[in-house]
N, C-alpha and C. Protein backbone atom coordinates (compact mmCIF):
# COMPACT_ATOMS: atom_id res chain seq x y z
N UNK A 1 0.54 -1.09 0.27
CA UNK A 1 -0.15 0.68 -0.39
C UNK A 1 1.13 1.40 -0.14
N UNK A 2 2.15 1.35 0.06
CA UNK A 2 2.48 2.20 0.82
C UNK A 2 3.45 2.85 -0.45
N UNK A 3 3.79 1.92 -2.05
CA UNK A 3 3.91 2.16 -2.84
C UNK A 3 3.04 2.85 -3.65
N UNK A 4 1.82 2.79 -3.36
CA UNK A 4 0.50 2.51 -4.15
C UNK A 4 0.48 4.72 -4.70
N UNK A 5 0.17 4.57 -6.53
CA UNK A 5 0.53 5.87 -6.61
C UNK A 5 -0.18 6.81 -6.38
N UNK A 6 0.64 8.57 -6.02
CA UNK A 6 -0.50 9.79 -4.74
C UNK A 6 -0.50 9.16 -3.07
N UNK A 7 -0.17 8.19 -2.70
CA UNK A 7 -0.44 7.54 -1.54
C UNK A 7 1.13 8.16 -0.72
N UNK A 8 1.62 8.91 -1.66
CA UNK A 8 2.92 9.48 -0.81
C UNK A 8 2.82 10.70 0.10
N UNK A 9 1.15 11.28 -1.04
CA UNK A 9 0.84 12.17 0.08
C UNK A 9 0.05 11.72 0.87
N UNK A 10 -0.18 11.47 1.63
CA UNK A 10 -1.12 11.12 3.15
C UNK A 10 -0.53 11.05 4.20
N UNK A 11 -0.76 11.67 5.52
CA UNK A 11 0.37 11.73 6.49
C UNK A 11 -0.13 10.57 6.69
N UNK A 12 -0.09 9.24 7.38
CA UNK A 12 -0.22 8.10 7.83
C UNK A 12 1.33 7.97 6.86
N UNK A 13 1.31 7.78 5.69
CA UNK A 13 2.52 7.11 4.67
C UNK A 13 4.03 8.42 5.64
N UNK A 14 3.40 9.51 5.40
CA UNK A 14 4.93 10.24 5.84
C UNK A 14 5.09 10.21 7.02
N UNK A 15 4.60 9.79 8.02
CA UNK A 15 4.88 9.17 9.54
C UNK A 15 5.10 7.81 9.88
N UNK A 16 4.99 7.42 8.80
CA UNK A 16 4.55 5.53 8.74
C UNK A 16 4.29 5.61 10.17
N UNK A 17 2.52 5.61 9.73
CA UNK A 17 0.95 4.94 10.51
C UNK A 17 0.61 4.02 9.81
N UNK A 18 1.17 3.22 9.18
CA UNK A 18 -0.09 2.21 8.08
C UNK A 18 -0.06 1.21 8.62
N UNK A 19 -1.10 0.62 9.05
CA UNK A 19 -1.76 -0.48 10.22
C UNK A 19 -2.17 -1.98 8.81
N UNK A 20 -2.47 -2.64 9.15
CA UNK A 20 -2.84 -3.60 8.26
C UNK A 20 -4.14 -5.19 9.09
N UNK A 21 -5.00 -5.17 8.36
CA UNK A 21 -5.64 -6.81 9.17
C UNK A 21 -5.75 -7.59 8.22
N UNK A 22 -5.62 -8.33 8.57
CA UNK A 22 -5.90 -9.43 7.69
C UNK A 22 -7.59 -9.77 7.51
N UNK A 23 -8.17 -9.40 6.47
CA UNK A 23 -9.55 -8.78 6.17
C UNK A 23 -10.45 -10.55 6.87
N UNK A 24 -9.83 -11.69 6.71
CA UNK A 24 -10.82 -12.16 7.92
C UNK A 24 -10.99 -12.84 8.61
N UNK A 25 -10.57 -11.10 10.10
CA UNK A 25 -10.70 -11.05 11.11
C UNK A 25 -11.84 -10.20 11.54
N UNK A 26 -12.49 -9.66 10.28
CA UNK A 26 -13.91 -9.09 10.79
C UNK A 26 -14.82 -9.79 10.49
N UNK A 27 -16.21 -9.69 11.80
CA UNK A 27 -17.12 -9.47 10.98
C UNK A 27 -17.37 -11.60 11.24
N UNK A 28 -16.94 -11.52 12.26
CA UNK A 28 -16.85 -12.94 13.42
C UNK A 28 -16.98 -12.53 14.79
N UNK A 29 -16.05 -13.97 15.13
CA UNK A 29 -16.69 -13.65 16.41
C UNK A 29 -14.78 -13.62 16.88
N UNK A 30 -13.79 -13.28 16.08
CA UNK A 30 -12.49 -12.60 16.41
C UNK A 30 -12.91 -11.00 16.06
N UNK A 31 -13.87 -10.77 15.98
CA UNK A 31 -13.62 -9.17 15.84
C UNK A 31 -13.20 -8.08 16.54
N UNK A 32 -13.09 -8.93 18.53
CA UNK A 32 -12.79 -8.61 19.51
C UNK A 32 -11.00 -7.82 19.71
N UNK A 33 -10.81 -9.47 18.22
CA UNK A 33 -9.02 -8.46 18.25
C UNK A 33 -9.29 -7.37 16.86
N UNK A 34 -9.58 -7.06 16.14
CA UNK A 34 -9.57 -6.62 15.39
C UNK A 34 -9.87 -5.56 15.50
N UNK A 35 -10.82 -4.59 16.44
CA UNK A 35 -11.01 -3.72 17.03
C UNK A 35 -9.37 -4.11 18.10
N UNK A 36 -8.73 -4.74 18.95
CA UNK A 36 -7.74 -4.30 19.73
C UNK A 36 -6.87 -3.64 19.04
N UNK A 37 -6.60 -4.13 17.50
CA UNK A 37 -5.70 -3.67 16.34
C UNK A 37 -6.15 -2.48 16.05
N UNK A 38 -6.97 -1.74 16.58
CA UNK A 38 -7.84 -0.43 16.11
C UNK A 38 -7.10 0.48 16.87
N UNK A 39 -7.44 0.13 18.00
CA UNK A 39 -7.64 1.19 19.52
C UNK A 39 -5.65 1.41 19.73
N UNK A 40 -4.77 0.22 19.62
CA UNK A 40 -3.94 0.81 19.50
C UNK A 40 -3.49 1.19 19.12
N UNK A 41 -3.85 1.15 17.49
CA UNK A 41 -2.90 2.21 16.73
C UNK A 41 -3.11 3.58 16.47
N UNK A 42 -4.87 2.95 16.98
CA UNK A 42 -5.18 5.09 17.73
C UNK A 42 -4.74 5.54 18.47
N UNK A 43 -4.66 4.54 19.57
CA UNK A 43 -4.13 5.43 21.40
C UNK A 43 -2.98 4.74 21.68
N UNK A 44 -2.43 4.22 20.96
CA UNK A 44 -0.56 3.64 21.61
C UNK A 44 -0.30 3.19 23.34
N UNK A 45 -0.78 4.75 23.74
CA UNK A 45 0.05 4.76 25.00
C UNK A 45 -1.09 3.76 25.70
N UNK A 46 -2.68 4.31 25.63
CA UNK A 46 -3.72 4.07 26.22
C UNK A 46 -2.72 2.39 26.12
N UNK A 47 -3.52 2.17 25.02
CA UNK A 47 -3.62 0.37 24.33
C UNK A 47 -1.58 -0.42 24.58
N UNK A 48 -0.88 0.07 24.67
CA UNK A 48 0.08 -0.46 25.27
C UNK A 48 0.64 -1.54 25.25
N UNK A 49 -0.57 -1.97 26.77
CA UNK A 49 -0.93 -3.38 26.80
C UNK A 49 -0.83 -4.30 26.25
N UNK A 50 -1.90 -4.19 25.25
CA UNK A 50 -3.06 -4.89 24.98
C UNK A 50 -2.06 -5.53 23.89
N UNK A 51 -1.89 -6.91 22.92
CA UNK A 51 -1.47 -7.34 22.30
C UNK A 51 -2.66 -8.25 21.77
N UNK A 52 -3.33 -7.65 20.50
CA UNK A 52 -4.04 -8.65 19.46
C UNK A 52 -4.36 -9.16 18.96
N UNK A 53 -2.56 -9.80 18.41
CA UNK A 53 -2.20 -11.28 18.05
C UNK A 53 -2.22 -12.11 18.82
N UNK A 54 -1.80 -11.85 19.70
CA UNK A 54 -1.41 -12.80 21.14
C UNK A 54 -3.42 -13.16 22.07
N UNK A 55 -3.59 -11.87 21.66
CA UNK A 55 -5.13 -12.09 22.60
C UNK A 55 -6.22 -13.47 21.30
N UNK A 56 -5.34 -12.89 20.07
CA UNK A 56 -6.33 -13.93 19.24
C UNK A 56 -6.13 -15.15 18.84
N UNK A 57 -4.42 -15.48 19.37
CA UNK A 57 -3.92 -16.96 19.31
C UNK A 57 -4.70 -17.42 20.99
N UNK A 58 -4.72 -17.00 22.04
CA UNK A 58 -5.50 -17.15 22.99
C UNK A 58 -7.04 -17.79 23.15
N UNK A 59 -6.96 -16.92 21.89
CA UNK A 59 -8.58 -17.35 21.95
C UNK A 59 -8.96 -18.72 21.02
N UNK A 60 -8.04 -18.47 19.75
CA UNK A 60 -7.58 -20.05 19.12
C UNK A 60 -7.83 -21.12 20.36
N UNK A 61 -6.32 -21.16 20.42
CA UNK A 61 -6.66 -22.12 22.14
C UNK A 61 -6.94 -22.94 22.52
N UNK A 62 -8.05 -21.78 23.25
CA UNK A 62 -9.07 -21.86 24.25
C UNK A 62 -10.18 -22.33 23.88
N UNK A 63 -10.42 -22.12 22.28
CA UNK A 63 -12.11 -22.47 22.23
C UNK A 63 -12.67 -22.55 20.65
N UNK A 64 -10.75 -22.85 20.02
CA UNK A 64 -11.51 -23.82 18.45
C UNK A 64 -10.90 -24.31 18.04
N UNK A 65 -11.49 -25.34 17.66
CA UNK A 65 -11.08 -26.88 17.50
C UNK A 65 -9.83 -26.57 16.31
N UNK A 66 -9.59 -26.11 15.65
CA UNK A 66 -7.90 -25.67 14.51
C UNK A 66 -7.14 -23.92 14.98
N UNK A 67 -5.73 -24.07 15.02
CA UNK A 67 -4.59 -23.84 15.63
C UNK A 67 -4.82 -22.57 14.67
N UNK A 68 -4.36 -21.76 15.17
CA UNK A 68 -4.41 -19.99 14.97
C UNK A 68 -2.90 -20.17 13.88
N UNK A 69 -2.84 -20.32 12.26
CA UNK A 69 -2.15 -19.81 12.07
C UNK A 69 -1.99 -18.49 10.85
N UNK A 70 -0.65 -18.18 10.56
CA UNK A 70 -0.30 -17.07 9.61
C UNK A 70 -0.25 -15.93 10.25
N UNK A 71 -0.12 -14.48 9.83
CA UNK A 71 -0.45 -13.13 9.77
C UNK A 71 -1.02 -12.78 9.53
N UNK A 72 -2.02 -12.54 10.80
CA UNK A 72 -3.20 -11.84 11.06
C UNK A 72 -3.59 -9.86 11.07
N UNK A 73 -1.96 -9.31 11.78
CA UNK A 73 -2.17 -8.01 11.54
C UNK A 73 -0.54 -7.53 11.24
N UNK A 74 -0.12 -6.47 11.13
CA UNK A 74 1.30 -5.89 10.46
C UNK A 74 1.17 -4.54 11.09
N UNK A 75 2.13 -3.94 11.56
CA UNK A 75 2.23 -2.97 12.34
C UNK A 75 3.73 -2.07 11.74
N UNK A 76 3.34 -0.61 11.66
CA UNK A 76 4.32 0.04 11.11
C UNK A 76 5.65 -0.27 10.89
N UNK A 77 6.59 -1.21 11.62
CA UNK A 77 7.90 -1.78 11.91
C UNK A 77 7.94 -2.63 11.22
N UNK A 78 6.77 -3.53 10.91
CA UNK A 78 7.09 -4.33 10.24
C UNK A 78 6.45 -4.31 8.38
N UNK A 79 6.17 -3.28 8.30
CA UNK A 79 6.60 -2.57 6.71
C UNK A 79 6.61 -1.94 5.80
């Protein structure tokens, strides 16, 4: 996304504040993790102790019949 034409003018690109979430993270029982990711991106000081990916993994380990795999979130330091 960071290299799309015209995006170099966006404040999020200029300030390295681009976040991403897997499209499969929304509109189901895992919505909580997407909301946590958004909250942490918008208010990093308030939610510095929240780890959405770890919470999602814990949820899968406890309640789901399959293991969670893949990358679900991308933070600025990773892109």
